[in-house]
Amino acid sequence: MNFETFIKSVSKIKNLNLPGEHSQFKMSPPFRRDLIDENREKMKNARKAGVMALFYPNVSDETYLILILRKTYKGVHSAQVGFPGGKFENDDPNLEYTALRETQEEVGVSINTIEVLKPMTPLYIPPSNFTVAPFLGITHQTPQFIKQDEEVEDLIEVRLTDFINDANTTSVEVMTSYKTEIEVPAFMLNGHVVWGATAMMLSELKDLLKKVL
């Protein structure tokens, strides 16, 4: 989709209600409800993070979404696909700023070039005890991405039309952080399997976009 057309359509999102958990749970692993029930006390003191769903025009003025492949490390989100973003720091005035700051740090897109259109529904992630606040943002410039080598293995530039194509949703067997292999719903984007919390946030984003595109 041409970026100018996308901008005209997506501006309507500001006045729409969020699809919320109903949309997120379309892409939820089957054990999530049990984990939420087991972690209700921990949720009260969960760490906070902000992430950015950032859309932009490529050099041909086609609309894309940037995702990242995280480095392999000793942690629950090792080698997984996610949004640019990270944990709230004490110097951050709010979680929107956290998402903007981390996007600049991880993929090199300046805070000053990003317009945040809408906050989306926060999501609790039991394995890491984080509540993540996602934000929908746009930049009118074609970014010159600079990945943060310490944390980011690769940048994944996803075409909007591929993202909203229902043919790119599937189910796969994965090994979870709880050392259990299960079948989960997932997105297949640029050859990458996207599941778990990121897929749940993408599901709400997709449903929201389909209301205006």
N, C-alpha and C. Protein backbone atom coordinates (compact mmCIF):
# COMPACT_ATOMS: atom_id res chain seq x y z
N MET A 1 0.83 -1.20 0.00
CA MET A 1 0.00 0.00 0.00
C MET A 1 0.87 1.25 0.00
N ASN A 2 0.53 2.19 -0.87
CA ASN A 2 1.21 3.47 -0.92
C ASN A 2 1.14 4.18 0.43
N PHE A 3 2.26 4.77 0.87
CA PHE A 3 2.31 5.35 2.21
C PHE A 3 1.35 6.53 2.37
N GLU A 4 1.18 7.32 1.34
CA GLU A 4 0.25 8.45 1.43
C GLU A 4 -1.17 7.97 1.65
N THR A 5 -1.55 6.90 0.97
CA THR A 5 -2.87 6.30 1.16
C THR A 5 -3.00 5.76 2.58
N PHE A 6 -1.94 5.11 3.05
CA PHE A 6 -1.93 4.58 4.42
C PHE A 6 -2.13 5.69 5.45
N ILE A 7 -1.42 6.79 5.29
CA ILE A 7 -1.51 7.91 6.23
C ILE A 7 -2.93 8.45 6.30
N LYS A 8 -3.56 8.62 5.14
CA LYS A 8 -4.93 9.14 5.12
C LYS A 8 -5.88 8.21 5.86
N SER A 9 -5.69 6.92 5.71
CA SER A 9 -6.57 5.94 6.35
C SER A 9 -6.28 5.79 7.84
N VAL A 10 -5.00 5.72 8.18
CA VAL A 10 -4.63 5.40 9.56
C VAL A 10 -4.91 6.56 10.51
N SER A 11 -5.05 7.76 9.98
CA SER A 11 -5.37 8.91 10.84
C SER A 11 -6.70 8.73 11.55
N LYS A 12 -7.59 7.92 10.99
CA LYS A 12 -8.90 7.67 11.59
C LYS A 12 -8.80 6.83 12.86
N ILE A 13 -7.67 6.17 13.04
CA ILE A 13 -7.50 5.26 14.17
C ILE A 13 -7.57 5.99 15.51
N LYS A 14 -7.16 7.25 15.53
CA LYS A 14 -7.12 8.01 16.78
C LYS A 14 -8.46 8.01 17.50
N ASN A 15 -9.55 7.94 16.75
CA ASN A 15 -10.89 8.04 17.32
C ASN A 15 -11.57 6.69 17.52
N LEU A 16 -10.85 5.60 17.24
CA LEU A 16 -11.44 4.27 17.37
C LEU A 16 -11.15 3.65 18.74
N ASN A 17 -12.08 2.84 19.20
CA ASN A 17 -11.85 2.06 20.41
C ASN A 17 -10.91 0.90 20.09
N LEU A 18 -10.10 0.53 21.06
CA LEU A 18 -9.18 -0.59 20.86
C LEU A 18 -9.92 -1.92 20.90
N PRO A 19 -9.51 -2.89 20.07
CA PRO A 19 -10.09 -4.23 20.13
C PRO A 19 -9.79 -4.94 21.45
N GLY A 20 -8.62 -4.62 22.06
CA GLY A 20 -8.30 -5.11 23.39
C GLY A 20 -7.97 -6.58 23.47
N GLU A 21 -8.23 -7.16 24.66
CA GLU A 21 -7.83 -8.54 24.93
C GLU A 21 -8.51 -9.53 24.00
N HIS A 22 -9.72 -9.24 23.58
CA HIS A 22 -10.41 -10.16 22.66
C HIS A 22 -9.57 -10.39 21.42
N SER A 23 -8.98 -9.32 20.91
CA SER A 23 -8.13 -9.42 19.73
C SER A 23 -6.80 -10.09 20.07
N GLN A 24 -6.20 -9.70 21.19
CA GLN A 24 -4.92 -10.29 21.58
C GLN A 24 -5.02 -11.80 21.73
N PHE A 25 -6.12 -12.27 22.31
CA PHE A 25 -6.24 -13.70 22.62
C PHE A 25 -6.43 -14.57 21.38
N LYS A 26 -6.69 -13.97 20.24
CA LYS A 26 -6.73 -14.76 19.00
C LYS A 26 -5.39 -15.43 18.74
N MET A 27 -4.30 -14.78 19.20
CA MET A 27 -2.96 -15.31 18.96
C MET A 27 -2.28 -15.74 20.26
N SER A 28 -3.08 -16.07 21.24
CA SER A 28 -2.54 -16.43 22.55
C SER A 28 -2.13 -17.90 22.60
N PRO A 29 -0.98 -18.21 23.20
CA PRO A 29 -0.65 -19.61 23.48
C PRO A 29 -1.72 -20.22 24.39
N PRO A 30 -1.98 -21.51 24.27
CA PRO A 30 -3.10 -22.13 24.99
C PRO A 30 -2.97 -22.10 26.52
N PHE A 31 -1.76 -21.93 27.02
CA PHE A 31 -1.56 -21.96 28.48
C PHE A 31 -1.64 -20.58 29.11
N ARG A 32 -1.86 -19.52 28.32
CA ARG A 32 -1.73 -18.17 28.85
C ARG A 32 -2.71 -17.88 29.98
N ARG A 33 -3.96 -18.27 29.84
CA ARG A 33 -4.95 -17.95 30.88
C ARG A 33 -4.55 -18.56 32.22
N ASP A 34 -4.02 -19.77 32.18
CA ASP A 34 -3.57 -20.41 33.42
C ASP A 34 -2.40 -19.64 34.03
N LEU A 35 -1.48 -19.19 33.18
CA LEU A 35 -0.33 -18.43 33.68
C LEU A 35 -0.75 -17.11 34.31
N ILE A 36 -1.72 -16.46 33.71
CA ILE A 36 -2.22 -15.19 34.27
C ILE A 36 -2.81 -15.45 35.65
N ASP A 37 -3.62 -16.49 35.77
CA ASP A 37 -4.23 -16.81 37.07
C ASP A 37 -3.16 -17.11 38.12
N GLU A 38 -2.10 -17.80 37.70
CA GLU A 38 -1.03 -18.17 38.64
C GLU A 38 -0.16 -16.98 39.04
N ASN A 39 -0.17 -15.93 38.24
CA ASN A 39 0.77 -14.82 38.47
C ASN A 39 0.09 -13.51 38.85
N ARG A 40 -1.14 -13.58 39.34
CA ARG A 40 -1.87 -12.34 39.62
C ARG A 40 -1.18 -11.49 40.69
N GLU A 41 -0.57 -12.11 41.66
CA GLU A 41 0.14 -11.33 42.67
C GLU A 41 1.39 -10.69 42.10
N LYS A 42 2.12 -11.44 41.30
CA LYS A 42 3.34 -10.90 40.67
C LYS A 42 3.00 -9.74 39.73
N MET A 43 1.85 -9.81 39.08
CA MET A 43 1.47 -8.77 38.13
C MET A 43 1.38 -7.40 38.78
N LYS A 44 1.03 -7.39 40.07
CA LYS A 44 0.86 -6.11 40.76
C LYS A 44 2.17 -5.33 40.83
N ASN A 45 3.29 -6.05 40.82
CA ASN A 45 4.59 -5.39 40.91
C ASN A 45 5.46 -5.67 39.68
N ALA A 46 4.80 -5.93 38.55
CA ALA A 46 5.54 -6.24 37.32
C ALA A 46 6.37 -5.05 36.86
N ARG A 47 7.50 -5.35 36.28
CA ARG A 47 8.30 -4.30 35.65
C ARG A 47 7.57 -3.81 34.41
N LYS A 48 7.90 -2.61 33.97
CA LYS A 48 7.17 -2.01 32.85
C LYS A 48 8.10 -1.78 31.67
N ALA A 49 7.52 -1.89 30.47
CA ALA A 49 8.28 -1.67 29.24
C ALA A 49 7.37 -0.99 28.21
N GLY A 50 8.01 -0.33 27.26
CA GLY A 50 7.28 0.30 26.15
C GLY A 50 7.87 -0.16 24.84
N VAL A 51 6.99 -0.47 23.87
CA VAL A 51 7.45 -0.90 22.54
C VAL A 51 6.72 -0.10 21.48
N MET A 52 7.30 -0.04 20.29
CA MET A 52 6.76 0.78 19.20
C MET A 52 6.46 -0.06 17.97
N ALA A 53 5.21 0.01 17.50
CA ALA A 53 4.83 -0.54 16.20
C ALA A 53 4.97 0.60 15.21
N LEU A 54 6.10 0.65 14.53
CA LEU A 54 6.46 1.80 13.70
C LEU A 54 6.29 1.50 12.22
N PHE A 55 5.44 2.29 11.56
CA PHE A 55 5.23 2.17 10.12
C PHE A 55 5.97 3.30 9.41
N TYR A 56 6.42 3.01 8.19
CA TYR A 56 7.24 3.97 7.47
C TYR A 56 7.17 3.67 5.97
N PRO A 57 7.55 4.64 5.12
CA PRO A 57 7.63 4.39 3.69
C PRO A 57 9.02 3.87 3.31
N ASN A 58 9.05 2.87 2.44
CA ASN A 58 10.36 2.45 1.92
C ASN A 58 10.74 3.36 0.76
N VAL A 59 11.81 3.07 0.07
CA VAL A 59 12.29 3.96 -1.00
C VAL A 59 11.31 4.04 -2.16
N SER A 60 10.41 3.05 -2.28
CA SER A 60 9.39 3.07 -3.33
C SER A 60 8.07 3.62 -2.82
N ASP A 61 8.09 4.19 -1.61
CA ASP A 61 6.90 4.80 -0.98
C ASP A 61 5.83 3.76 -0.65
N GLU A 62 6.26 2.52 -0.41
CA GLU A 62 5.33 1.49 0.03
C GLU A 62 5.42 1.38 1.56
N THR A 63 4.31 1.04 2.19
CA THR A 63 4.22 1.05 3.65
C THR A 63 4.80 -0.24 4.25
N TYR A 64 5.67 -0.05 5.25
CA TYR A 64 6.32 -1.16 5.94
C TYR A 64 6.23 -0.98 7.46
N LEU A 65 6.40 -2.09 8.16
CA LEU A 65 6.48 -2.14 9.62
C LEU A 65 7.83 -2.72 10.00
N ILE A 66 8.51 -2.10 10.97
CA ILE A 66 9.81 -2.62 11.39
C ILE A 66 9.67 -3.50 12.63
N LEU A 67 10.24 -4.70 12.55
CA LEU A 67 10.37 -5.60 13.69
C LEU A 67 11.85 -5.93 13.85
N ILE A 68 12.19 -6.51 14.99
CA ILE A 68 13.59 -6.87 15.23
C ILE A 68 13.69 -8.33 15.65
N LEU A 69 14.81 -8.94 15.31
CA LEU A 69 15.16 -10.27 15.81
C LEU A 69 16.18 -10.07 16.92
N ARG A 70 15.83 -10.50 18.11
CA ARG A 70 16.72 -10.29 19.26
C ARG A 70 17.89 -11.28 19.24
N LYS A 71 18.97 -10.87 19.85
CA LYS A 71 20.16 -11.70 19.96
C LYS A 71 19.86 -12.98 20.75
N THR A 72 20.67 -13.98 20.54
CA THR A 72 20.61 -15.18 21.36
C THR A 72 21.36 -14.90 22.67
N TYR A 73 20.66 -15.09 23.78
CA TYR A 73 21.25 -14.82 25.09
C TYR A 73 20.57 -15.70 26.13
N LYS A 74 21.06 -15.64 27.35
CA LYS A 74 20.45 -16.44 28.42
C LYS A 74 19.27 -15.67 29.01
N GLY A 75 18.13 -15.81 28.36
CA GLY A 75 16.94 -15.10 28.80
C GLY A 75 15.73 -15.66 28.10
N VAL A 76 14.53 -15.30 28.60
CA VAL A 76 13.30 -15.92 28.10
C VAL A 76 12.91 -15.45 26.71
N HIS A 77 13.45 -14.31 26.24
CA HIS A 77 13.08 -13.81 24.92
C HIS A 77 14.23 -13.94 23.92
N SER A 78 15.16 -14.83 24.22
CA SER A 78 16.32 -15.05 23.35
C SER A 78 15.88 -15.45 21.94
N ALA A 79 16.50 -14.80 20.93
CA ALA A 79 16.31 -15.14 19.52
C ALA A 79 14.86 -15.07 19.06
N GLN A 80 14.07 -14.23 19.70
CA GLN A 80 12.68 -14.06 19.31
C GLN A 80 12.48 -12.77 18.53
N VAL A 81 11.42 -12.73 17.74
CA VAL A 81 11.04 -11.53 17.00
C VAL A 81 10.19 -10.64 17.89
N GLY A 82 10.44 -9.34 17.85
CA GLY A 82 9.67 -8.41 18.67
C GLY A 82 9.64 -7.03 18.04
N PHE A 83 8.97 -6.12 18.73
CA PHE A 83 8.99 -4.72 18.35
C PHE A 83 10.25 -4.06 18.92
N PRO A 84 10.70 -2.97 18.32
CA PRO A 84 11.70 -2.16 19.01
C PRO A 84 11.10 -1.67 20.33
N GLY A 85 11.90 -1.70 21.38
CA GLY A 85 11.39 -1.26 22.68
C GLY A 85 12.19 -1.86 23.81
N GLY A 86 11.82 -1.50 25.02
CA GLY A 86 12.55 -2.01 26.18
C GLY A 86 11.97 -1.50 27.48
N LYS A 87 12.72 -1.71 28.54
CA LYS A 87 12.19 -1.45 29.87
C LYS A 87 12.18 0.04 30.21
N PHE A 88 11.23 0.39 31.03
CA PHE A 88 11.09 1.76 31.54
C PHE A 88 12.27 2.08 32.45
N GLU A 89 12.88 3.23 32.20
CA GLU A 89 13.98 3.72 33.03
C GLU A 89 13.48 4.86 33.91
N ASN A 90 14.11 5.04 35.06
CA ASN A 90 13.65 6.05 36.02
C ASN A 90 13.66 7.47 35.44
N ASP A 91 14.51 7.71 34.45
CA ASP A 91 14.57 9.04 33.84
C ASP A 91 13.49 9.25 32.78
N ASP A 92 12.78 8.20 32.40
CA ASP A 92 11.74 8.33 31.38
C ASP A 92 10.50 8.99 31.98
N PRO A 93 9.95 10.02 31.33
CA PRO A 93 8.76 10.67 31.88
C PRO A 93 7.51 9.79 31.81
N ASN A 94 7.46 8.87 30.84
CA ASN A 94 6.31 7.99 30.68
C ASN A 94 6.70 6.85 29.74
N LEU A 95 5.77 5.89 29.58
CA LEU A 95 6.07 4.71 28.76
C LEU A 95 6.10 5.02 27.27
N GLU A 96 5.38 6.04 26.85
CA GLU A 96 5.48 6.45 25.44
C GLU A 96 6.90 6.89 25.13
N TYR A 97 7.49 7.65 26.03
CA TYR A 97 8.86 8.09 25.83
C TYR A 97 9.81 6.88 25.85
N THR A 98 9.53 5.92 26.73
CA THR A 98 10.35 4.70 26.76
C THR A 98 10.38 4.04 25.40
N ALA A 99 9.19 3.89 24.80
CA ALA A 99 9.10 3.24 23.48
C ALA A 99 9.85 4.04 22.42
N LEU A 100 9.74 5.36 22.47
CA LEU A 100 10.44 6.22 21.52
C LEU A 100 11.95 6.12 21.71
N ARG A 101 12.40 6.21 22.96
CA ARG A 101 13.83 6.18 23.26
C ARG A 101 14.45 4.85 22.83
N GLU A 102 13.77 3.77 23.17
CA GLU A 102 14.30 2.45 22.84
C GLU A 102 14.29 2.20 21.33
N THR A 103 13.31 2.75 20.64
CA THR A 103 13.28 2.62 19.18
C THR A 103 14.49 3.32 18.57
N GLN A 104 14.79 4.49 19.07
CA GLN A 104 15.96 5.20 18.59
C GLN A 104 17.23 4.42 18.89
N GLU A 105 17.33 3.84 20.08
CA GLU A 105 18.53 3.11 20.48
C GLU A 105 18.69 1.81 19.68
N GLU A 106 17.58 1.10 19.45
CA GLU A 106 17.69 -0.24 18.87
C GLU A 106 17.74 -0.24 17.34
N VAL A 107 17.02 0.71 16.70
CA VAL A 107 17.00 0.68 15.23
C VAL A 107 17.43 2.00 14.60
N GLY A 108 17.74 3.01 15.43
CA GLY A 108 18.33 4.24 14.91
C GLY A 108 17.38 5.26 14.33
N VAL A 109 16.08 5.13 14.61
CA VAL A 109 15.10 6.11 14.13
C VAL A 109 14.94 7.19 15.19
N SER A 110 15.23 8.42 14.84
CA SER A 110 15.22 9.52 15.80
C SER A 110 13.84 9.74 16.41
N ILE A 111 13.84 9.99 17.71
CA ILE A 111 12.60 10.30 18.43
C ILE A 111 11.85 11.43 17.75
N ASN A 112 12.58 12.43 17.27
CA ASN A 112 11.95 13.63 16.71
C ASN A 112 11.24 13.39 15.38
N THR A 113 11.48 12.22 14.77
CA THR A 113 10.84 11.94 13.48
C THR A 113 9.63 11.02 13.61
N ILE A 114 9.32 10.58 14.83
CA ILE A 114 8.23 9.62 15.04
C ILE A 114 7.01 10.33 15.60
N GLU A 115 5.88 10.09 14.96
CA GLU A 115 4.59 10.59 15.45
C GLU A 115 3.83 9.41 16.06
N VAL A 116 3.51 9.51 17.35
CA VAL A 116 2.75 8.45 18.00
C VAL A 116 1.26 8.71 17.79
N LEU A 117 0.59 7.77 17.14
CA LEU A 117 -0.82 7.93 16.82
C LEU A 117 -1.74 7.45 17.93
N LYS A 118 -1.33 6.37 18.60
CA LYS A 118 -2.26 5.78 19.58
C LYS A 118 -1.54 4.77 20.48
N PRO A 119 -1.84 4.80 21.78
CA PRO A 119 -1.40 3.70 22.64
C PRO A 119 -2.32 2.51 22.43
N MET A 120 -1.77 1.32 22.49
CA MET A 120 -2.59 0.12 22.37
C MET A 120 -2.70 -0.56 23.74
N THR A 121 -3.34 -1.71 23.76
CA THR A 121 -3.66 -2.38 25.02
C THR A 121 -2.40 -3.00 25.65
N PRO A 122 -2.08 -2.63 26.90
CA PRO A 122 -0.92 -3.24 27.57
C PRO A 122 -1.10 -4.75 27.70
N LEU A 123 0.02 -5.45 27.78
CA LEU A 123 0.01 -6.91 27.84
C LEU A 123 1.00 -7.39 28.88
N TYR A 124 0.55 -8.26 29.77
CA TYR A 124 1.45 -8.83 30.78
C TYR A 124 2.13 -10.07 30.21
N ILE A 125 3.45 -10.18 30.45
CA ILE A 125 4.24 -11.31 29.97
C ILE A 125 4.76 -12.10 31.17
N PRO A 126 4.13 -13.22 31.50
CA PRO A 126 4.48 -13.97 32.71
C PRO A 126 5.94 -14.42 32.81
N PRO A 127 6.57 -14.98 31.75
CA PRO A 127 7.94 -15.50 31.92
C PRO A 127 8.94 -14.45 32.39
N SER A 128 8.78 -13.19 31.94
CA SER A 128 9.74 -12.15 32.31
C SER A 128 9.17 -11.17 33.35
N ASN A 129 7.90 -11.35 33.71
CA ASN A 129 7.23 -10.48 34.68
C ASN A 129 7.29 -9.00 34.27
N PHE A 130 6.96 -8.76 33.00
CA PHE A 130 6.86 -7.41 32.47
C PHE A 130 5.43 -7.14 32.01
N THR A 131 4.96 -5.92 32.23
CA THR A 131 3.76 -5.44 31.55
C THR A 131 4.24 -4.48 30.46
N VAL A 132 3.90 -4.83 29.22
CA VAL A 132 4.40 -4.08 28.06
C VAL A 132 3.30 -3.17 27.51
N ALA A 133 3.65 -1.91 27.30
CA ALA A 133 2.74 -0.94 26.70
C ALA A 133 3.14 -0.72 25.25
N PRO A 134 2.32 -1.17 24.28
CA PRO A 134 2.66 -0.94 22.87
C PRO A 134 2.06 0.37 22.36
N PHE A 135 2.75 1.00 21.43
CA PHE A 135 2.30 2.25 20.83
C PHE A 135 2.36 2.12 19.31
N LEU A 136 1.38 2.72 18.64
CA LEU A 136 1.36 2.76 17.19
C LEU A 136 1.95 4.09 16.74
N GLY A 137 3.00 4.01 15.93
CA GLY A 137 3.67 5.23 15.48
C GLY A 137 3.96 5.20 14.00
N ILE A 138 4.22 6.38 13.45
CA ILE A 138 4.60 6.50 12.04
C ILE A 138 5.78 7.46 11.92
N THR A 139 6.57 7.26 10.90
CA THR A 139 7.57 8.25 10.50
C THR A 139 7.40 8.49 9.02
N HIS A 140 7.39 9.74 8.63
CA HIS A 140 7.14 10.08 7.23
C HIS A 140 8.39 9.94 6.36
N GLN A 141 9.53 9.75 7.00
CA GLN A 141 10.78 9.63 6.27
C GLN A 141 11.14 8.15 6.08
N THR A 142 11.82 7.85 4.99
CA THR A 142 12.36 6.50 4.84
C THR A 142 13.57 6.37 5.76
N PRO A 143 13.49 5.52 6.79
CA PRO A 143 14.57 5.47 7.79
C PRO A 143 15.87 4.91 7.22
N GLN A 144 16.96 5.43 7.76
CA GLN A 144 18.27 4.83 7.56
C GLN A 144 18.57 4.04 8.84
N PHE A 145 18.11 2.80 8.87
CA PHE A 145 18.17 2.03 10.10
C PHE A 145 19.61 1.77 10.53
N ILE A 146 19.83 1.86 11.83
CA ILE A 146 21.11 1.51 12.44
C ILE A 146 20.79 0.59 13.61
N LYS A 147 21.09 -0.69 13.46
CA LYS A 147 20.72 -1.62 14.54
C LYS A 147 21.73 -1.59 15.68
N GLN A 148 21.21 -1.79 16.87
CA GLN A 148 22.03 -1.85 18.08
C GLN A 148 22.62 -3.26 18.18
N ASP A 149 23.88 -3.39 17.82
CA ASP A 149 24.48 -4.72 17.68
C ASP A 149 24.48 -5.53 18.97
N GLU A 150 24.50 -4.86 20.12
CA GLU A 150 24.55 -5.59 21.39
C GLU A 150 23.26 -6.37 21.65
N GLU A 151 22.12 -5.88 21.15
CA GLU A 151 20.84 -6.50 21.48
C GLU A 151 20.07 -7.01 20.26
N VAL A 152 20.37 -6.47 19.09
CA VAL A 152 19.57 -6.78 17.90
C VAL A 152 20.38 -7.60 16.91
N GLU A 153 19.88 -8.79 16.59
CA GLU A 153 20.54 -9.66 15.63
C GLU A 153 20.26 -9.22 14.20
N ASP A 154 19.00 -8.84 13.94
CA ASP A 154 18.63 -8.48 12.57
C ASP A 154 17.40 -7.58 12.59
N LEU A 155 17.24 -6.79 11.53
CA LEU A 155 16.06 -5.96 11.33
C LEU A 155 15.15 -6.66 10.34
N ILE A 156 13.86 -6.66 10.63
CA ILE A 156 12.87 -7.36 9.79
C ILE A 156 11.89 -6.32 9.27
N GLU A 157 12.00 -6.01 8.00
CA GLU A 157 11.13 -5.01 7.38
C GLU A 157 9.94 -5.72 6.73
N VAL A 158 8.77 -5.54 7.33
CA VAL A 158 7.57 -6.29 6.93
C VAL A 158 6.66 -5.40 6.10
N ARG A 159 6.32 -5.85 4.92
CA ARG A 159 5.38 -5.12 4.07
C ARG A 159 3.99 -5.12 4.71
N LEU A 160 3.35 -3.97 4.76
CA LEU A 160 2.02 -3.88 5.37
C LEU A 160 1.05 -4.88 4.78
N THR A 161 1.04 -5.01 3.46
CA THR A 161 0.09 -5.93 2.83
C THR A 161 0.34 -7.38 3.24
N ASP A 162 1.59 -7.73 3.52
CA ASP A 162 1.90 -9.08 4.02
C ASP A 162 1.41 -9.25 5.45
N PHE A 163 1.59 -8.22 6.25
CA PHE A 163 1.19 -8.28 7.65
C PHE A 163 -0.32 -8.49 7.80
N ILE A 164 -1.12 -7.77 7.03
CA ILE A 164 -2.58 -7.87 7.20
C ILE A 164 -3.20 -9.01 6.39
N ASN A 165 -2.38 -9.73 5.65
CA ASN A 165 -2.86 -10.87 4.86
C ASN A 165 -3.11 -12.06 5.78
N ASP A 166 -4.37 -12.51 5.85
CA ASP A 166 -4.72 -13.62 6.74
C ASP A 166 -3.98 -14.91 6.40
N ALA A 167 -3.49 -15.02 5.19
CA ALA A 167 -2.75 -16.22 4.79
C ALA A 167 -1.44 -16.36 5.56
N ASN A 168 -0.99 -15.28 6.19
CA ASN A 168 0.27 -15.32 6.93
C ASN A 168 0.09 -15.60 8.42
N THR A 169 -1.08 -16.09 8.80
CA THR A 169 -1.27 -16.60 10.15
C THR A 169 -1.35 -18.13 10.08
N THR A 170 -0.77 -18.77 11.08
CA THR A 170 -0.67 -20.23 11.06
C THR A 170 -0.58 -20.73 12.49
N SER A 171 -0.23 -21.98 12.67
CA SER A 171 0.10 -22.52 13.99
C SER A 171 1.36 -23.36 13.85
N VAL A 172 2.20 -23.29 14.87
CA VAL A 172 3.49 -23.99 14.83
C VAL A 172 3.76 -24.61 16.20
N GLU A 173 4.65 -25.58 16.22
CA GLU A 173 5.12 -26.14 17.49
C GLU A 173 6.39 -25.42 17.91
N VAL A 174 6.41 -24.94 19.16
CA VAL A 174 7.57 -24.22 19.67
C VAL A 174 7.95 -24.77 21.04
N MET A 175 9.21 -24.54 21.41
CA MET A 175 9.67 -24.86 22.76
C MET A 175 9.54 -23.60 23.59
N THR A 176 8.73 -23.64 24.63
CA THR A 176 8.50 -22.46 25.45
C THR A 176 9.60 -22.29 26.49
N SER A 177 9.57 -21.14 27.18
CA SER A 177 10.54 -20.88 28.24
C SER A 177 10.34 -21.82 29.42
N TYR A 178 9.20 -22.53 29.43
CA TYR A 178 8.92 -23.49 30.49
C TYR A 178 9.35 -24.91 30.08
N LYS A 179 10.16 -24.99 29.00
CA LYS A 179 10.72 -26.26 28.53
C LYS A 179 9.63 -27.25 28.10
N THR A 180 8.54 -26.71 27.56
CA THR A 180 7.45 -27.53 27.08
C THR A 180 7.20 -27.22 25.62
N GLU A 181 7.10 -28.26 24.80
CA GLU A 181 6.82 -28.05 23.38
C GLU A 181 5.32 -28.09 23.16
N ILE A 182 4.79 -27.01 22.60
CA ILE A 182 3.35 -26.92 22.38
C ILE A 182 3.06 -26.29 21.02
N GLU A 183 1.82 -26.43 20.57
CA GLU A 183 1.39 -25.79 19.34
C GLU A 183 0.78 -24.43 19.68
N VAL A 184 1.22 -23.40 18.97
CA VAL A 184 0.74 -22.05 19.25
C VAL A 184 0.36 -21.36 17.95
N PRO A 185 -0.57 -20.39 18.01
CA PRO A 185 -0.84 -19.58 16.82
C PRO A 185 0.33 -18.65 16.56
N ALA A 186 0.57 -18.33 15.30
CA ALA A 186 1.74 -17.52 14.96
C ALA A 186 1.53 -16.78 13.65
N PHE A 187 2.30 -15.72 13.48
CA PHE A 187 2.43 -15.05 12.19
C PHE A 187 3.69 -15.58 11.51
N MET A 188 3.62 -15.72 10.19
CA MET A 188 4.81 -16.02 9.40
C MET A 188 5.13 -14.76 8.61
N LEU A 189 6.19 -14.07 9.00
CA LEU A 189 6.53 -12.79 8.40
C LEU A 189 7.99 -12.80 7.95
N ASN A 190 8.20 -12.63 6.66
CA ASN A 190 9.56 -12.62 6.09
C ASN A 190 10.35 -13.87 6.47
N GLY A 191 9.64 -14.99 6.56
CA GLY A 191 10.30 -16.25 6.88
C GLY A 191 10.53 -16.48 8.37
N HIS A 192 10.06 -15.54 9.21
CA HIS A 192 10.22 -15.67 10.66
C HIS A 192 8.90 -16.07 11.31
N VAL A 193 8.99 -16.95 12.31
CA VAL A 193 7.83 -17.32 13.11
C VAL A 193 7.69 -16.32 14.26
N VAL A 194 6.53 -15.67 14.34
CA VAL A 194 6.29 -14.67 15.38
C VAL A 194 5.13 -15.17 16.24
N TRP A 195 5.41 -15.43 17.52
CA TRP A 195 4.39 -16.00 18.39
C TRP A 195 4.47 -15.35 19.76
N GLY A 196 3.61 -15.79 20.68
CA GLY A 196 3.65 -15.28 22.04
C GLY A 196 3.16 -13.85 22.14
N ALA A 197 3.80 -13.08 23.04
CA ALA A 197 3.34 -11.72 23.33
C ALA A 197 3.37 -10.82 22.10
N THR A 198 4.41 -10.94 21.28
CA THR A 198 4.49 -10.10 20.09
C THR A 198 3.35 -10.40 19.13
N ALA A 199 3.05 -11.68 18.94
CA ALA A 199 1.93 -12.05 18.06
C ALA A 199 0.61 -11.52 18.61
N MET A 200 0.45 -11.54 19.93
CA MET A 200 -0.78 -11.03 20.53
C MET A 200 -0.93 -9.53 20.31
N MET A 201 0.16 -8.79 20.44
CA MET A 201 0.11 -7.35 20.18
C MET A 201 -0.11 -7.07 18.70
N LEU A 202 0.52 -7.87 17.84
CA LEU A 202 0.32 -7.73 16.40
C LEU A 202 -1.13 -8.02 16.03
N SER A 203 -1.76 -8.94 16.71
CA SER A 203 -3.14 -9.28 16.42
C SER A 203 -4.06 -8.09 16.66
N GLU A 204 -3.85 -7.39 17.79
CA GLU A 204 -4.67 -6.19 18.04
C GLU A 204 -4.37 -5.12 17.00
N LEU A 205 -3.10 -4.95 16.66
CA LEU A 205 -2.72 -3.96 15.66
C LEU A 205 -3.37 -4.28 14.31
N LYS A 206 -3.34 -5.53 13.93
CA LYS A 206 -3.94 -5.95 12.66
C LYS A 206 -5.44 -5.67 12.64
N ASP A 207 -6.14 -6.04 13.71
CA ASP A 207 -7.58 -5.81 13.78
C ASP A 207 -7.91 -4.32 13.75
N LEU A 208 -7.08 -3.54 14.41
CA LEU A 208 -7.28 -2.09 14.43
C LEU A 208 -7.10 -1.51 13.03
N LEU A 209 -6.06 -1.92 12.34
CA LEU A 209 -5.80 -1.41 10.99
C LEU A 209 -6.90 -1.82 10.01
N LYS A 210 -7.41 -3.03 10.18
CA LYS A 210 -8.42 -3.51 9.24
C LYS A 210 -9.72 -2.72 9.35
N LYS A 211 -9.89 -1.99 10.43
CA LYS A 211 -11.09 -1.15 10.57
C LYS A 211 -11.03 0.09 9.67
N VAL A 212 -9.82 0.47 9.26
CA VAL A 212 -9.67 1.71 8.50
C VAL A 212 -9.06 1.52 7.11
N LEU A 213 -8.43 0.39 6.86
CA LEU A 213 -7.77 0.19 5.56
C LEU A 213 -8.73 -0.42 4.53
